[in-house]
Amino acid sequence: MKIRATLHLSEQSRTLDLNGRLGWAVTQLAEAGPKGVTPITRPAPRWSGYVFDLRELGVPIETIMEPHEGSYPGMHARYVLTCEAEISLLDWEV
């Protein structure tokens, strides 16, 4: 999958063409809006890695740490895209 993400930053826009999981991750973040995503709500093998790589490309993503209960209580991350984004599909390969 190849997508084009246009990020509307404070006074300018930035366009990125992303492949594979990075394209998928930024699409999930844009669709989730201000509520963001967690690895529980949008399962993927390496959310922290995708977020790291997207930040390296200049994508503004906030990490909010939240507690959780259950058999293994602890903390998990919620990732939130902190700008408006337009996503378009460029290519879909199977």
PDB file of N, CA and C in Angstrom:
ATOM      1  N   MET A   1       0.843  -1.165   0.000  1.00  0.00           N
ATOM      2  CA  MET A   1       0.000   0.000   0.000  1.00  0.00           C
ATOM      3  C   MET A   1       0.891   1.231   0.000  1.00  0.00           C
ATOM      4  N   LYS A   2       0.539   2.205  -0.797  1.00  0.00           N
ATOM      5  CA  LYS A   2       1.256   3.470  -0.838  1.00  0.00           C
ATOM      6  C   LYS A   2       0.222   4.577  -0.693  1.00  0.00           C
ATOM      7  N   ILE A   3       0.441   5.443   0.280  1.00  0.00           N
ATOM      8  CA  ILE A   3      -0.505   6.531   0.500  1.00  0.00           C
ATOM      9  C   ILE A   3       0.220   7.870   0.453  1.00  0.00           C
ATOM     10  N   ARG A   4      -0.569   8.919   0.245  1.00  0.00           N
ATOM     11  CA  ARG A   4      -0.063  10.292   0.327  1.00  0.00           C
ATOM     12  C   ARG A   4      -0.759  10.936   1.516  1.00  0.00           C
ATOM     13  N   ALA A   5       0.020  11.439   2.446  1.00  0.00           N
ATOM     14  CA  ALA A   5      -0.509  12.122   3.623  1.00  0.00           C
ATOM     15  C   ALA A   5      -0.127  13.585   3.532  1.00  0.00           C
ATOM     16  N   THR A   6      -1.137  14.451   3.524  1.00  0.00           N
ATOM     17  CA  THR A   6      -0.897  15.885   3.570  1.00  0.00           C
ATOM     18  C   THR A   6      -1.218  16.349   4.978  1.00  0.00           C
ATOM     19  N   LEU A   7      -0.189  16.801   5.673  1.00  0.00           N
ATOM     20  CA  LEU A   7      -0.324  17.245   7.047  1.00  0.00           C
ATOM     21  C   LEU A   7      -0.490  18.752   7.066  1.00  0.00           C
ATOM     22  N   HIS A   8      -1.517  19.224   7.734  1.00  0.00           N
ATOM     23  CA  HIS A   8      -1.768  20.661   7.847  1.00  0.00           C
ATOM     24  C   HIS A   8      -1.202  21.130   9.177  1.00  0.00           C
ATOM     25  N   LEU A   9       0.027  21.587   9.121  1.00  0.00           N
ATOM     26  CA  LEU A   9       0.730  22.056  10.305  1.00  0.00           C
ATOM     27  C   LEU A   9       0.346  23.505  10.563  1.00  0.00           C
ATOM     28  N   SER A  10       0.860  24.133  11.584  1.00  0.00           N
ATOM     29  CA  SER A  10       0.409  25.449  12.028  1.00  0.00           C
ATOM     30  C   SER A  10       0.263  26.475  10.900  1.00  0.00           C
ATOM     31  N   GLU A  11       1.299  26.729  10.143  1.00  0.00           N
ATOM     32  CA  GLU A  11       1.217  27.746   9.094  1.00  0.00           C
ATOM     33  C   GLU A  11       1.539  27.207   7.707  1.00  0.00           C
ATOM     34  N   GLN A  12       1.722  25.924   7.604  1.00  0.00           N
ATOM     35  CA  GLN A  12       2.077  25.342   6.310  1.00  0.00           C
ATOM     36  C   GLN A  12       1.561  23.920   6.219  1.00  0.00           C
ATOM     37  N   SER A  13       1.621  23.383   5.036  1.00  0.00           N
ATOM     38  CA  SER A  13       1.265  21.978   4.827  1.00  0.00           C
ATOM     39  C   SER A  13       2.508  21.225   4.388  1.00  0.00           C
ATOM     40  N   ARG A  14       2.507  19.946   4.679  1.00  0.00           N
ATOM     41  CA  ARG A  14       3.613  19.086   4.267  1.00  0.00           C
ATOM     42  C   ARG A  14       3.022  17.804   3.724  1.00  0.00           C
ATOM     43  N   THR A  15       3.545  17.333   2.597  1.00  0.00           N
ATOM     44  CA  THR A  15       3.036  16.123   1.972  1.00  0.00           C
ATOM     45  C   THR A  15       4.112  15.044   2.003  1.00  0.00           C
ATOM     46  N   LEU A  16       3.688  13.848   2.431  1.00  0.00           N
ATOM     47  CA  LEU A  16       4.580  12.693   2.483  1.00  0.00           C
ATOM     48  C   LEU A  16       3.955  11.547   1.712  1.00  0.00           C
ATOM     49  N   ASP A  17       4.760  10.839   0.943  1.00  0.00           N
ATOM     50  CA  ASP A  17       4.333   9.587   0.314  1.00  0.00           C
ATOM     51  C   ASP A  17       4.907   8.459   1.160  1.00  0.00           C
ATOM     52  N   LEU A  18       4.030   7.603   1.683  1.00  0.00           N
ATOM     53  CA  LEU A  18       4.442   6.554   2.614  1.00  0.00           C
ATOM     54  C   LEU A  18       4.034   5.185   2.100  1.00  0.00           C
ATOM     55  N   ASN A  19       4.885   4.207   2.331  1.00  0.00           N
ATOM     56  CA  ASN A  19       4.632   2.826   1.906  1.00  0.00           C
ATOM     57  C   ASN A  19       4.304   1.935   3.090  1.00  0.00           C
ATOM     58  N   GLY A  20       3.609   0.868   2.824  1.00  0.00           N
ATOM     59  CA  GLY A  20       3.430  -0.221   3.785  1.00  0.00           C
ATOM     60  C   GLY A  20       2.871   0.186   5.122  1.00  0.00           C
ATOM     61  N   ARG A  21       3.519  -0.315   6.189  1.00  0.00           N
ATOM     62  CA  ARG A  21       3.019  -0.112   7.544  1.00  0.00           C
ATOM     63  C   ARG A  21       3.040   1.349   7.979  1.00  0.00           C
ATOM     64  N   LEU A  22       3.989   2.150   7.496  1.00  0.00           N
ATOM     65  CA  LEU A  22       3.985   3.567   7.863  1.00  0.00           C
ATOM     66  C   LEU A  22       2.771   4.267   7.263  1.00  0.00           C
ATOM     67  N   GLY A  23       2.423   3.909   6.034  1.00  0.00           N
ATOM     68  CA  GLY A  23       1.205   4.448   5.422  1.00  0.00           C
ATOM     69  C   GLY A  23      -0.032   4.010   6.180  1.00  0.00           C
ATOM     70  N   TRP A  24      -0.061   2.732   6.570  1.00  0.00           N
ATOM     71  CA  TRP A  24      -1.185   2.208   7.336  1.00  0.00           C
ATOM     72  C   TRP A  24      -1.298   2.940   8.680  1.00  0.00           C
ATOM     73  N   ALA A  25      -0.165   3.117   9.368  1.00  0.00           N
ATOM     74  CA  ALA A  25      -0.177   3.738  10.694  1.00  0.00           C
ATOM     75  C   ALA A  25      -0.662   5.180  10.648  1.00  0.00           C
ATOM     76  N   VAL A  26      -0.178   5.967   9.703  1.00  0.00           N
ATOM     77  CA  VAL A  26      -0.624   7.364   9.634  1.00  0.00           C
ATOM     78  C   VAL A  26      -2.098   7.435   9.240  1.00  0.00           C
ATOM     79  N   THR A  27      -2.574   6.493   8.442  1.00  0.00           N
ATOM     80  CA  THR A  27      -3.996   6.431   8.099  1.00  0.00           C
ATOM     81  C   THR A  27      -4.828   6.131   9.343  1.00  0.00           C
ATOM     82  N   GLN A  28      -4.392   5.184  10.160  1.00  0.00           N
ATOM     83  CA  GLN A  28      -5.102   4.846  11.399  1.00  0.00           C
ATOM     84  C   GLN A  28      -5.141   6.043  12.349  1.00  0.00           C
ATOM     85  N   LEU A  29      -4.028   6.743  12.472  1.00  0.00           N
ATOM     86  CA  LEU A  29      -3.976   7.923  13.339  1.00  0.00           C
ATOM     87  C   LEU A  29      -4.906   9.020  12.839  1.00  0.00           C
ATOM     88  N   ALA A  30      -4.925   9.251  11.531  1.00  0.00           N
ATOM     89  CA  ALA A  30      -5.794  10.292  10.967  1.00  0.00           C
ATOM     90  C   ALA A  30      -7.262   9.934  11.154  1.00  0.00           C
ATOM     91  N   GLU A  31      -7.614   8.667  10.954  1.00  0.00           N
ATOM     92  CA  GLU A  31      -9.003   8.229  11.123  1.00  0.00           C
ATOM     93  C   GLU A  31      -9.457   8.310  12.577  1.00  0.00           C
ATOM     94  N   ALA A  32      -8.554   8.055  13.512  1.00  0.00           N
ATOM     95  CA  ALA A  32      -8.904   8.063  14.935  1.00  0.00           C
ATOM     96  C   ALA A  32      -9.143   9.477  15.467  1.00  0.00           C
ATOM     97  N   GLY A  33      -8.511  10.466  14.848  1.00  0.00           N
ATOM     98  CA  GLY A  33      -8.694  11.836  15.292  1.00  0.00           C
ATOM     99  C   GLY A  33      -8.147  12.068  16.690  1.00  0.00           C
ATOM    100  N   PRO A  34      -8.793  12.961  17.462  1.00  0.00           N
ATOM    101  CA  PRO A  34      -8.257  13.332  18.776  1.00  0.00           C
ATOM    102  C   PRO A  34      -8.307  12.229  19.828  1.00  0.00           C
ATOM    103  N   LYS A  35      -9.097  11.186  19.605  1.00  0.00           N
ATOM    104  CA  LYS A  35      -9.112  10.091  20.588  1.00  0.00           C
ATOM    105  C   LYS A  35      -7.877   9.204  20.457  1.00  0.00           C
ATOM    106  N   GLY A  36      -7.179   9.247  19.334  1.00  0.00           N
ATOM    107  CA  GLY A  36      -5.956   8.497  19.148  1.00  0.00           C
ATOM    108  C   GLY A  36      -6.169   6.989  19.059  1.00  0.00           C
ATOM    109  N   VAL A  37      -5.058   6.284  19.037  1.00  0.00           N
ATOM    110  CA  VAL A  37      -5.092   4.820  18.936  1.00  0.00           C
ATOM    111  C   VAL A  37      -4.195   4.215  20.007  1.00  0.00           C
ATOM    112  N   THR A  38      -4.505   2.976  20.375  1.00  0.00           N
ATOM    113  CA  THR A  38      -3.635   2.192  21.247  1.00  0.00           C
ATOM    114  C   THR A  38      -3.371   0.870  20.535  1.00  0.00           C
ATOM    115  N   PRO A  39      -2.332   0.162  20.934  1.00  0.00           N
ATOM    116  CA  PRO A  39      -2.097  -1.150  20.333  1.00  0.00           C
ATOM    117  C   PRO A  39      -3.239  -2.134  20.590  1.00  0.00           C
ATOM    118  N   ILE A  40      -4.080  -1.841  21.575  1.00  0.00           N
ATOM    119  CA  ILE A  40      -5.225  -2.695  21.852  1.00  0.00           C
ATOM    120  C   ILE A  40      -6.379  -2.388  20.897  1.00  0.00           C
ATOM    121  N   THR A  41      -6.625  -1.093  20.630  1.00  0.00           N
ATOM    122  CA  THR A  41      -7.748  -0.713  19.758  1.00  0.00           C
ATOM    123  C   THR A  41      -7.432  -0.899  18.282  1.00  0.00           C
ATOM    124  N   ARG A  42      -6.189  -0.760  17.896  1.00  0.00           N
ATOM    125  CA  ARG A  42      -5.747  -0.957  16.510  1.00  0.00           C
ATOM    126  C   ARG A  42      -4.511  -1.841  16.527  1.00  0.00           C
ATOM    127  N   PRO A  43      -4.696  -3.159  16.653  1.00  0.00           N
ATOM    128  CA  PRO A  43      -3.546  -4.064  16.794  1.00  0.00           C
ATOM    129  C   PRO A  43      -2.565  -3.987  15.622  1.00  0.00           C
ATOM    130  N   ALA A  44      -1.302  -3.948  15.988  1.00  0.00           N
ATOM    131  CA  ALA A  44      -0.204  -3.971  15.014  1.00  0.00           C
ATOM    132  C   ALA A  44       1.048  -4.410  15.768  1.00  0.00           C
ATOM    133  N   PRO A  45       1.976  -5.041  15.085  1.00  0.00           N
ATOM    134  CA  PRO A  45       3.124  -5.599  15.788  1.00  0.00           C
ATOM    135  C   PRO A  45       4.076  -4.580  16.415  1.00  0.00           C
ATOM    136  N   ARG A  46       4.202  -3.373  15.845  1.00  0.00           N
ATOM    137  CA  ARG A  46       5.250  -2.461  16.333  1.00  0.00           C
ATOM    138  C   ARG A  46       4.808  -1.008  16.330  1.00  0.00           C
ATOM    139  N   TRP A  47       3.726  -0.679  17.020  1.00  0.00           N
ATOM    140  CA  TRP A  47       3.250   0.708  17.035  1.00  0.00           C
ATOM    141  C   TRP A  47       4.350   1.679  17.439  1.00  0.00           C
ATOM    142  N   SER A  48       5.098   1.350  18.478  1.00  0.00           N
ATOM    143  CA  SER A  48       6.136   2.283  18.934  1.00  0.00           C
ATOM    144  C   SER A  48       7.179   2.524  17.835  1.00  0.00           C
ATOM    145  N   GLY A  49       7.492   1.500  17.067  1.00  0.00           N
ATOM    146  CA  GLY A  49       8.429   1.651  15.959  1.00  0.00           C
ATOM    147  C   GLY A  49       7.869   2.516  14.844  1.00  0.00           C
ATOM    148  N   TYR A  50       6.583   2.320  14.510  1.00  0.00           N
ATOM    149  CA  TYR A  50       5.958   3.147  13.469  1.00  0.00           C
ATOM    150  C   TYR A  50       5.930   4.603  13.894  1.00  0.00           C
ATOM    151  N   VAL A  51       5.580   4.844  15.156  1.00  0.00           N
ATOM    152  CA  VAL A  51       5.523   6.220  15.673  1.00  0.00           C
ATOM    153  C   VAL A  51       6.915   6.846  15.636  1.00  0.00           C
ATOM    154  N   PHE A  52       7.926   6.107  16.042  1.00  0.00           N
ATOM    155  CA  PHE A  52       9.300   6.615  15.994  1.00  0.00           C
ATOM    156  C   PHE A  52       9.670   7.026  14.564  1.00  0.00           C
ATOM    157  N   ASP A  53       9.425   6.145  13.601  1.00  0.00           N
ATOM    158  CA  ASP A  53       9.774   6.432  12.208  1.00  0.00           C
ATOM    159  C   ASP A  53       8.984   7.616  11.657  1.00  0.00           C
ATOM    160  N   LEU A  54       7.696   7.704  11.986  1.00  0.00           N
ATOM    161  CA  LEU A  54       6.884   8.830  11.506  1.00  0.00           C
ATOM    162  C   LEU A  54       7.366  10.147  12.109  1.00  0.00           C
ATOM    163  N   ARG A  55       7.723  10.126  13.377  1.00  0.00           N
ATOM    164  CA  ARG A  55       8.260  11.343  14.004  1.00  0.00           C
ATOM    165  C   ARG A  55       9.558  11.773  13.331  1.00  0.00           C
ATOM    166  N   GLU A  56      10.397  10.806  12.964  1.00  0.00           N
ATOM    167  CA  GLU A  56      11.645  11.127  12.258  1.00  0.00           C
ATOM    168  C   GLU A  56      11.366  11.836  10.930  1.00  0.00           C
ATOM    169  N   LEU A  57      10.194  11.568  10.333  1.00  0.00           N
ATOM    170  CA  LEU A  57       9.785  12.211   9.080  1.00  0.00           C
ATOM    171  C   LEU A  57       9.067  13.538   9.326  1.00  0.00           C
ATOM    172  N   GLY A  58       8.904  13.915  10.588  1.00  0.00           N
ATOM    173  CA  GLY A  58       8.277  15.193  10.918  1.00  0.00           C
ATOM    174  C   GLY A  58       6.790  15.133  11.209  1.00  0.00           C
ATOM    175  N   VAL A  59       6.237  13.934  11.375  1.00  0.00           N
ATOM    176  CA  VAL A  59       4.810  13.799  11.675  1.00  0.00           C
ATOM    177  C   VAL A  59       4.620  14.049  13.176  1.00  0.00           C
ATOM    178  N   PRO A  60       3.774  15.037  13.540  1.00  0.00           N
ATOM    179  CA  PRO A  60       3.593  15.353  14.959  1.00  0.00           C
ATOM    180  C   PRO A  60       2.633  14.374  15.647  1.00  0.00           C
ATOM    181  N   ILE A  61       3.176  13.539  16.511  1.00  0.00           N
ATOM    182  CA  ILE A  61       2.397  12.522  17.222  1.00  0.00           C
ATOM    183  C   ILE A  61       2.689  12.664  18.714  1.00  0.00           C
ATOM    184  N   GLU A  62       1.626  12.750  19.500  1.00  0.00           N
ATOM    185  CA  GLU A  62       1.751  12.823  20.949  1.00  0.00           C
ATOM    186  C   GLU A  62       1.561  11.428  21.535  1.00  0.00           C
ATOM    187  N   THR A  63       2.330  11.108  22.564  1.00  0.00           N
ATOM    188  CA  THR A  63       2.166   9.852  23.301  1.00  0.00           C
ATOM    189  C   THR A  63       1.592  10.175  24.671  1.00  0.00           C
ATOM    190  N   ILE A  64       0.455   9.556  24.986  1.00  0.00           N
ATOM    191  CA  ILE A  64      -0.188   9.708  26.284  1.00  0.00           C
ATOM    192  C   ILE A  64      -0.136   8.351  26.974  1.00  0.00           C
ATOM    193  N   MET A  65       0.471   8.301  28.136  1.00  0.00           N
ATOM    194  CA  MET A  65       0.562   7.042  28.885  1.00  0.00           C
ATOM    195  C   MET A  65      -0.678   6.893  29.764  1.00  0.00           C
ATOM    196  N   GLU A  66      -1.308   5.704  29.689  1.00  0.00           N
ATOM    197  CA  GLU A  66      -2.540   5.432  30.412  1.00  0.00           C
ATOM    198  C   GLU A  66      -2.407   4.137  31.202  1.00  0.00           C
ATOM    199  N   PRO A  67      -2.993   4.097  32.402  1.00  0.00           N
ATOM    200  CA  PRO A  67      -2.976   2.853  33.165  1.00  0.00           C
ATOM    201  C   PRO A  67      -4.021   1.874  32.640  1.00  0.00           C
ATOM    202  N   HIS A  68      -3.776   0.600  32.829  1.00  0.00           N
ATOM    203  CA  HIS A  68      -4.780  -0.411  32.515  1.00  0.00           C
ATOM    204  C   HIS A  68      -4.779  -1.484  33.601  1.00  0.00           C
ATOM    205  N   GLU A  69      -5.930  -2.113  33.763  1.00  0.00           N
ATOM    206  CA  GLU A  69      -6.110  -3.155  34.769  1.00  0.00           C
ATOM    207  C   GLU A  69      -6.050  -4.516  34.086  1.00  0.00           C
ATOM    208  N   GLY A  70      -6.525  -5.529  34.746  1.00  0.00           N
ATOM    209  CA  GLY A  70      -6.580  -6.867  34.167  1.00  0.00           C
ATOM    210  C   GLY A  70      -5.540  -7.778  34.767  1.00  0.00           C
ATOM    211  N   SER A  71      -5.299  -8.889  34.104  1.00  0.00           N
ATOM    212  CA  SER A  71      -4.346  -9.890  34.588  1.00  0.00           C
ATOM    213  C   SER A  71      -2.927  -9.342  34.681  1.00  0.00           C
ATOM    214  N   TYR A  72      -2.585  -8.412  33.807  1.00  0.00           N
ATOM    215  CA  TYR A  72      -1.250  -7.816  33.787  1.00  0.00           C
ATOM    216  C   TYR A  72      -1.382  -6.303  33.833  1.00  0.00           C
ATOM    217  N   PRO A  73      -1.733  -5.727  35.001  1.00  0.00           N
ATOM    218  CA  PRO A  73      -1.926  -4.281  35.080  1.00  0.00           C
ATOM    219  C   PRO A  73      -0.624  -3.530  34.817  1.00  0.00           C
ATOM    220  N   GLY A  74      -0.768  -2.340  34.313  1.00  0.00           N
ATOM    221  CA  GLY A  74       0.406  -1.527  34.017  1.00  0.00           C
ATOM    222  C   GLY A  74       0.007  -0.293  33.246  1.00  0.00           C
ATOM    223  N   MET A  75       0.854   0.101  32.310  1.00  0.00           N
ATOM    224  CA  MET A  75       0.628   1.292  31.493  1.00  0.00           C
ATOM    225  C   MET A  75       0.682   0.900  30.015  1.00  0.00           C
ATOM    226  N   HIS A  76      -0.072   1.635  29.205  1.00  0.00           N
ATOM    227  CA  HIS A  76       0.026   1.480  27.754  1.00  0.00           C
ATOM    228  C   HIS A  76       0.019   2.866  27.120  1.00  0.00           C
ATOM    229  N   ALA A  77       0.457   2.934  25.885  1.00  0.00           N
ATOM    230  CA  ALA A  77       0.541   4.205  25.173  1.00  0.00           C
ATOM    231  C   ALA A  77      -0.693   4.425  24.314  1.00  0.00           C
ATOM    232  N   ARG A  78      -1.129   5.675  24.261  1.00  0.00           N
ATOM    233  CA  ARG A  78      -2.144   6.124  23.304  1.00  0.00           C
ATOM    234  C   ARG A  78      -1.435   7.145  22.417  1.00  0.00           C
ATOM    235  N   TYR A  79      -1.493   6.924  21.103  1.00  0.00           N
ATOM    236  CA  TYR A  79      -0.824   7.798  20.147  1.00  0.00           C
ATOM    237  C   TYR A  79      -1.861   8.676  19.459  1.00  0.00           C
ATOM    238  N   VAL A  80      -1.585   9.993  19.417  1.00  0.00           N
ATOM    239  CA  VAL A  80      -2.527  10.954  18.855  1.00  0.00           C
ATOM    240  C   VAL A  80      -1.810  11.827  17.833  1.00  0.00           C
ATOM    241  N   LEU A  81      -2.347  11.876  16.628  1.00  0.00           N
ATOM    242  CA  LEU A  81      -1.844  12.777  15.600  1.00  0.00           C
ATOM    243  C   LEU A  81      -2.291  14.186  15.973  1.00  0.00           C
ATOM    244  N   THR A  82      -1.363  15.120  16.096  1.00  0.00           N
ATOM    245  CA  THR A  82      -1.689  16.449  16.619  1.00  0.00           C
ATOM    246  C   THR A  82      -1.859  17.515  15.539  1.00  0.00           C
ATOM    247  N   CYS A  83      -2.193  17.086  14.343  1.00  0.00           N
ATOM    248  CA  CYS A  83      -2.510  18.023  13.272  1.00  0.00           C
ATOM    249  C   CYS A  83      -3.594  17.397  12.397  1.00  0.00           C
ATOM    250  N   GLU A  84      -4.227  18.202  11.597  1.00  0.00           N
ATOM    251  CA  GLU A  84      -5.184  17.689  10.618  1.00  0.00           C
ATOM    252  C   GLU A  84      -4.404  17.033   9.487  1.00  0.00           C
ATOM    253  N   ALA A  85      -4.990  15.988   8.898  1.00  0.00           N
ATOM    254  CA  ALA A  85      -4.314  15.283   7.808  1.00  0.00           C
ATOM    255  C   ALA A  85      -5.321  14.840   6.759  1.00  0.00           C
ATOM    256  N   GLU A  86      -4.901  14.898   5.509  1.00  0.00           N
ATOM    257  CA  GLU A  86      -5.680  14.351   4.391  1.00  0.00           C
ATOM    258  C   GLU A  86      -4.908  13.152   3.868  1.00  0.00           C
ATOM    259  N   ILE A  87      -5.606  12.044   3.711  1.00  0.00           N
ATOM    260  CA  ILE A  87      -4.992  10.785   3.276  1.00  0.00           C
ATOM    261  C   ILE A  87      -5.583  10.382   1.937  1.00  0.00           C
ATOM    262  N   SER A  88      -4.720  10.019   0.985  1.00  0.00           N
ATOM    263  CA  SER A  88      -5.207   9.497  -0.286  1.00  0.00           C
ATOM    264  C   SER A  88      -4.378   8.274  -0.679  1.00  0.00           C
ATOM    265  N   LEU A  89      -5.048   7.309  -1.250  1.00  0.00           N
ATOM    266  CA  LEU A  89      -4.405   6.077  -1.683  1.00  0.00           C
ATOM    267  C   LEU A  89      -3.751   6.308  -3.032  1.00  0.00           C
ATOM    268  N   LEU A  90      -2.453   6.014  -3.141  1.00  0.00           N
ATOM    269  CA  LEU A  90      -1.734   6.163  -4.409  1.00  0.00           C
ATOM    270  C   LEU A  90      -1.657   4.859  -5.168  1.00  0.00           C
ATOM    271  N   ASP A  91      -1.452   3.759  -4.423  1.00  0.00           N
ATOM    272  CA  ASP A  91      -1.243   2.478  -5.084  1.00  0.00           C
ATOM    273  C   ASP A  91      -1.561   1.367  -4.104  1.00  0.00           C
ATOM    274  N   TRP A  92      -2.188   0.320  -4.596  1.00  0.00           N
ATOM    275  CA  TRP A  92      -2.491  -0.842  -3.762  1.00  0.00           C
ATOM    276  C   TRP A  92      -1.948  -2.055  -4.468  1.00  0.00           C
ATOM    277  N   GLU A  93      -0.967  -2.709  -3.837  1.00  0.00           N
ATOM    278  CA  GLU A  93      -0.377  -3.923  -4.420  1.00  0.00           C
ATOM    279  C   GLU A  93      -0.682  -5.092  -3.514  1.00  0.00           C
ATOM    280  N   VAL A  94      -1.039  -6.217  -4.103  1.00  0.00           N
ATOM    281  CA  VAL A  94      -1.316  -7.421  -3.319  1.00  0.00           C
ATOM    282  C   VAL A  94      -0.193  -8.403  -3.506  1.00  0.00           C
TER     283      VAL A  94
END
